[in-house]
């Protein structure tokens, strides 16, 4: 069972303000969830094959296609500042008062 102190600590980390009633309710709910997880841990699943999906599906992939237009170099050349292969741009910040 999870304690009320642990609930208060979690609420503090999440910056939540909880009433005594909410703390008690969360304590009961989370304790129930943790108890159920403990029950699930007791189930023998050693003979179960893992599944990635219940349907036998495969991704249909396509080849990447690129078109050489020569525009890439013009775009790269338009940037005044570069660092390795990255183009540097000025930050844009909007004031919340506007």
N, C-alpha and C. Protein backbone atom coordinates (compact mmCIF):
# COMPACT_ATOMS: atom_id res chain seq x y z
N UNK A 1 0.84 -1.18 0.00
CA UNK A 1 0.00 0.00 0.00
C UNK A 1 0.89 1.24 0.00
N UNK A 2 0.48 2.21 -0.74
CA UNK A 2 1.23 3.46 -0.83
C UNK A 2 0.77 4.38 0.30
N UNK A 3 1.69 5.07 0.90
CA UNK A 3 1.35 5.91 2.06
C UNK A 3 0.88 7.30 1.63
N UNK A 4 0.25 8.00 2.55
CA UNK A 4 -0.19 9.36 2.26
C UNK A 4 1.01 10.28 2.06
N UNK A 5 2.10 10.00 2.76
CA UNK A 5 3.31 10.81 2.59
C UNK A 5 3.86 10.66 1.17
N UNK A 6 3.80 9.45 0.63
CA UNK A 6 4.26 9.23 -0.74
C UNK A 6 3.36 9.96 -1.73
N UNK A 7 2.06 9.96 -1.47
CA UNK A 7 1.11 10.70 -2.32
C UNK A 7 1.44 12.19 -2.27
N UNK A 8 1.69 12.71 -1.08
CA UNK A 8 2.02 14.14 -0.93
C UNK A 8 3.32 14.46 -1.67
N UNK A 9 4.29 13.55 -1.59
CA UNK A 9 5.56 13.76 -2.26
C UNK A 9 5.38 13.78 -3.79
N UNK A 10 4.61 12.84 -4.30
CA UNK A 10 4.34 12.79 -5.75
C UNK A 10 3.61 14.06 -6.18
N UNK A 11 2.62 14.48 -5.37
CA UNK A 11 1.88 15.71 -5.69
C UNK A 11 2.82 16.91 -5.69
N UNK A 12 3.75 16.94 -4.74
CA UNK A 12 4.71 18.04 -4.69
C UNK A 12 5.57 18.05 -5.95
N UNK A 13 6.05 16.88 -6.39
CA UNK A 13 6.85 16.79 -7.60
C UNK A 13 6.07 17.25 -8.83
N UNK A 14 4.77 16.93 -8.84
CA UNK A 14 3.91 17.30 -9.97
C UNK A 14 3.34 18.70 -9.82
N UNK A 15 3.71 19.38 -8.72
CA UNK A 15 3.22 20.73 -8.43
C UNK A 15 1.70 20.78 -8.38
N UNK A 16 1.14 19.78 -7.69
CA UNK A 16 -0.31 19.70 -7.51
C UNK A 16 -0.66 20.05 -6.07
N UNK A 17 -1.73 20.76 -5.90
CA UNK A 17 -2.24 21.05 -4.58
C UNK A 17 -3.45 20.14 -4.35
N UNK A 18 -3.34 19.23 -3.38
CA UNK A 18 -4.40 18.25 -3.14
C UNK A 18 -5.02 18.45 -1.77
N UNK A 19 -6.32 18.25 -1.72
CA UNK A 19 -7.02 18.29 -0.42
C UNK A 19 -6.83 16.94 0.27
N UNK A 20 -7.18 16.88 1.54
CA UNK A 20 -7.08 15.64 2.29
C UNK A 20 -7.92 14.54 1.67
N UNK A 21 -9.10 14.90 1.17
CA UNK A 21 -9.99 13.93 0.53
C UNK A 21 -9.37 13.38 -0.76
N UNK A 22 -8.73 14.27 -1.54
CA UNK A 22 -8.09 13.84 -2.78
C UNK A 22 -6.89 12.94 -2.50
N UNK A 23 -6.14 13.26 -1.44
CA UNK A 23 -5.00 12.44 -1.07
C UNK A 23 -5.46 11.04 -0.71
N UNK A 24 -6.52 10.94 0.09
CA UNK A 24 -7.05 9.64 0.49
C UNK A 24 -7.55 8.85 -0.71
N UNK A 25 -8.26 9.53 -1.61
CA UNK A 25 -8.78 8.87 -2.81
C UNK A 25 -7.64 8.36 -3.70
N UNK A 26 -6.63 9.19 -3.91
CA UNK A 26 -5.48 8.77 -4.72
C UNK A 26 -4.74 7.63 -4.05
N UNK A 27 -4.63 7.66 -2.73
CA UNK A 27 -3.96 6.59 -2.01
C UNK A 27 -4.68 5.26 -2.25
N UNK A 28 -6.00 5.27 -2.17
CA UNK A 28 -6.77 4.05 -2.39
C UNK A 28 -6.64 3.57 -3.83
N UNK A 29 -6.77 4.50 -4.79
CA UNK A 29 -6.70 4.13 -6.20
C UNK A 29 -5.32 3.59 -6.58
N UNK A 30 -4.27 4.30 -6.19
CA UNK A 30 -2.92 3.86 -6.53
C UNK A 30 -2.56 2.56 -5.83
N UNK A 31 -3.01 2.38 -4.60
CA UNK A 31 -2.76 1.13 -3.89
C UNK A 31 -3.44 -0.03 -4.61
N UNK A 32 -4.66 0.20 -5.09
CA UNK A 32 -5.36 -0.83 -5.84
C UNK A 32 -4.63 -1.20 -7.12
N UNK A 33 -4.11 -0.21 -7.80
CA UNK A 33 -3.36 -0.46 -9.04
C UNK A 33 -2.09 -1.25 -8.74
N UNK A 34 -1.36 -0.86 -7.70
CA UNK A 34 -0.13 -1.55 -7.34
C UNK A 34 -0.41 -2.99 -6.89
N UNK A 35 -1.51 -3.19 -6.16
CA UNK A 35 -1.89 -4.55 -5.76
C UNK A 35 -2.19 -5.41 -6.98
N UNK A 36 -2.88 -4.84 -7.96
CA UNK A 36 -3.21 -5.58 -9.17
C UNK A 36 -1.94 -5.94 -9.95
N UNK A 37 -0.99 -5.02 -10.00
CA UNK A 37 0.28 -5.30 -10.68
C UNK A 37 0.99 -6.47 -10.00
N UNK A 38 0.94 -6.51 -8.68
CA UNK A 38 1.56 -7.63 -7.96
C UNK A 38 0.89 -8.96 -8.32
N UNK A 39 -0.43 -8.95 -8.48
CA UNK A 39 -1.14 -10.16 -8.91
C UNK A 39 -0.68 -10.59 -10.30
N UNK A 40 -0.53 -9.61 -11.19
CA UNK A 40 -0.11 -9.93 -12.56
C UNK A 40 1.30 -10.51 -12.60
N UNK A 41 2.15 -10.08 -11.69
CA UNK A 41 3.52 -10.60 -11.64
C UNK A 41 3.54 -12.08 -11.27
N UNK A 42 2.49 -12.58 -10.63
CA UNK A 42 2.44 -13.98 -10.21
C UNK A 42 1.99 -14.92 -11.32
N UNK A 43 1.49 -14.38 -12.41
CA UNK A 43 1.00 -15.21 -13.52
C UNK A 43 2.19 -15.81 -14.27
N UNK A 44 2.12 -17.12 -14.52
CA UNK A 44 3.18 -17.81 -15.25
C UNK A 44 3.00 -17.60 -16.75
N UNK A 45 3.91 -16.86 -17.34
CA UNK A 45 3.84 -16.58 -18.78
C UNK A 45 5.03 -17.17 -19.52
N UNK A 46 5.72 -18.11 -18.91
CA UNK A 46 6.93 -18.67 -19.51
C UNK A 46 6.65 -19.40 -20.82
N UNK A 47 5.46 -19.95 -21.01
CA UNK A 47 5.15 -20.69 -22.23
C UNK A 47 4.50 -19.81 -23.31
N UNK A 48 4.35 -18.53 -23.04
CA UNK A 48 3.68 -17.62 -23.97
C UNK A 48 4.72 -16.99 -24.90
N UNK A 49 4.46 -17.06 -26.20
CA UNK A 49 5.33 -16.42 -27.18
C UNK A 49 5.02 -14.92 -27.20
N UNK A 50 6.04 -14.09 -27.19
CA UNK A 50 5.79 -12.64 -27.25
C UNK A 50 5.19 -12.26 -28.60
N UNK A 51 4.32 -11.28 -28.59
CA UNK A 51 3.69 -10.76 -29.80
C UNK A 51 4.07 -9.32 -29.99
N UNK A 52 4.27 -8.93 -31.21
CA UNK A 52 4.46 -7.51 -31.48
C UNK A 52 3.14 -6.91 -31.95
N UNK A 53 2.28 -7.76 -32.51
CA UNK A 53 0.96 -7.31 -32.97
C UNK A 53 0.09 -8.54 -33.13
N UNK A 54 -1.18 -8.39 -32.88
CA UNK A 54 -2.08 -9.54 -32.98
C UNK A 54 -2.41 -9.89 -34.43
N UNK A 55 -2.19 -8.97 -35.35
CA UNK A 55 -2.45 -9.22 -36.76
C UNK A 55 -1.11 -9.48 -37.47
N UNK A 56 -1.13 -10.31 -38.47
CA UNK A 56 0.08 -10.60 -39.24
C UNK A 56 0.24 -9.53 -40.31
N UNK A 57 0.78 -8.39 -39.91
CA UNK A 57 0.94 -7.26 -40.82
C UNK A 57 2.41 -6.97 -41.04
N UNK A 58 2.72 -6.45 -42.21
CA UNK A 58 4.07 -6.01 -42.51
C UNK A 58 4.00 -4.60 -43.08
N UNK A 59 5.02 -3.81 -42.77
CA UNK A 59 5.09 -2.47 -43.35
C UNK A 59 5.40 -2.56 -44.83
N UNK A 60 4.74 -1.73 -45.58
CA UNK A 60 5.04 -1.64 -47.00
C UNK A 60 5.96 -0.44 -47.18
N UNK A 61 7.22 -0.71 -47.44
CA UNK A 61 8.20 0.35 -47.57
C UNK A 61 8.45 0.67 -49.03
N UNK A 62 8.75 1.91 -49.29
CA UNK A 62 9.08 2.31 -50.66
C UNK A 62 10.52 2.82 -50.67
N UNK A 63 11.09 2.84 -51.82
CA UNK A 63 12.44 3.37 -51.97
C UNK A 63 12.39 4.89 -51.85
N UNK A 64 13.37 5.47 -51.18
CA UNK A 64 13.47 6.92 -51.15
C UNK A 64 13.87 7.42 -52.52
N UNK A 65 13.17 8.42 -52.97
CA UNK A 65 13.48 9.00 -54.27
C UNK A 65 13.86 10.45 -54.08
N UNK A 66 14.96 10.84 -54.65
CA UNK A 66 15.39 12.23 -54.58
C UNK A 66 15.54 12.76 -55.98
N UNK A 67 15.35 14.02 -56.10
CA UNK A 67 15.46 14.67 -57.40
C UNK A 67 16.52 15.75 -57.29
N UNK A 68 17.56 15.65 -58.07
CA UNK A 68 18.64 16.64 -58.06
C UNK A 68 18.23 17.83 -58.90
N UNK A 69 17.92 18.95 -58.24
CA UNK A 69 17.50 20.15 -58.97
C UNK A 69 18.56 21.24 -58.94
N UNK A 70 19.54 21.08 -58.06
CA UNK A 70 20.55 22.12 -57.94
C UNK A 70 20.14 23.24 -56.99
N UNK A 71 18.88 23.23 -56.56
CA UNK A 71 18.39 24.26 -55.65
C UNK A 71 18.98 24.12 -54.26
N UNK A 72 19.37 22.91 -53.88
CA UNK A 72 19.92 22.69 -52.55
C UNK A 72 21.12 23.60 -52.29
N UNK A 73 22.03 23.64 -53.23
CA UNK A 73 23.23 24.46 -53.06
C UNK A 73 22.88 25.94 -52.98
N UNK A 74 21.90 26.39 -53.74
CA UNK A 74 21.49 27.79 -53.71
C UNK A 74 20.89 28.15 -52.35
N UNK A 75 20.11 27.23 -51.79
CA UNK A 75 19.52 27.46 -50.48
C UNK A 75 20.61 27.51 -49.42
N UNK A 76 21.52 26.58 -49.47
CA UNK A 76 22.61 26.53 -48.50
C UNK A 76 23.46 27.80 -48.61
N UNK A 77 23.72 28.25 -49.81
CA UNK A 77 24.54 29.44 -50.02
C UNK A 77 23.86 30.70 -49.51
N UNK A 78 22.53 30.70 -49.39
CA UNK A 78 21.79 31.88 -48.94
C UNK A 78 21.94 32.13 -47.44
N UNK A 79 22.38 31.15 -46.68
CA UNK A 79 22.53 31.31 -45.24
C UNK A 79 23.89 31.95 -44.94
N UNK A 80 23.89 33.06 -44.22
CA UNK A 80 25.17 33.72 -43.94
C UNK A 80 26.03 32.97 -42.93
N UNK A 81 25.42 32.23 -42.01
CA UNK A 81 26.20 31.52 -40.99
C UNK A 81 25.94 30.03 -41.08
N UNK A 82 27.05 29.28 -40.97
CA UNK A 82 26.94 27.83 -40.98
C UNK A 82 27.85 27.26 -39.91
N UNK A 83 27.45 26.10 -39.41
CA UNK A 83 28.30 25.34 -38.49
C UNK A 83 28.24 23.90 -38.98
N UNK A 84 29.36 23.43 -39.47
CA UNK A 84 29.43 22.13 -40.14
C UNK A 84 28.41 22.11 -41.27
N UNK A 85 27.45 21.17 -41.22
CA UNK A 85 26.44 21.12 -42.28
C UNK A 85 25.12 21.75 -41.83
N UNK A 86 25.15 22.50 -40.72
CA UNK A 86 23.92 23.10 -40.20
C UNK A 86 23.88 24.58 -40.53
N UNK A 87 22.70 25.04 -40.91
CA UNK A 87 22.50 26.46 -41.16
C UNK A 87 22.07 27.13 -39.87
N UNK A 88 22.75 28.21 -39.51
CA UNK A 88 22.39 28.95 -38.29
C UNK A 88 21.38 30.03 -38.64
N UNK A 89 20.34 30.13 -37.82
CA UNK A 89 19.34 31.18 -38.01
C UNK A 89 19.17 31.92 -36.69
N UNK A 90 18.70 33.16 -36.78
CA UNK A 90 18.45 33.93 -35.58
C UNK A 90 17.20 33.42 -34.89
N UNK A 91 17.20 33.45 -33.55
CA UNK A 91 16.02 33.03 -32.80
C UNK A 91 14.89 34.04 -32.94
N UNK A 92 13.69 33.54 -32.94
CA UNK A 92 12.51 34.40 -33.03
C UNK A 92 11.67 34.15 -31.79
N UNK A 93 11.53 35.16 -30.97
CA UNK A 93 10.74 35.04 -29.76
C UNK A 93 9.65 36.09 -29.79
N UNK A 94 8.45 35.67 -29.46
CA UNK A 94 7.31 36.59 -29.46
C UNK A 94 6.98 36.94 -28.02
N UNK A 95 6.87 38.23 -27.77
CA UNK A 95 6.52 38.71 -26.45
C UNK A 95 5.04 38.39 -26.22
N UNK A 96 4.70 37.85 -25.05
CA UNK A 96 3.33 37.47 -24.75
C UNK A 96 2.37 38.64 -24.65
N UNK A 97 2.90 39.89 -24.57
CA UNK A 97 2.04 41.07 -24.45
C UNK A 97 1.47 41.51 -25.78
N UNK A 98 1.99 40.98 -26.87
CA UNK A 98 1.56 41.45 -28.18
C UNK A 98 0.36 40.72 -28.67
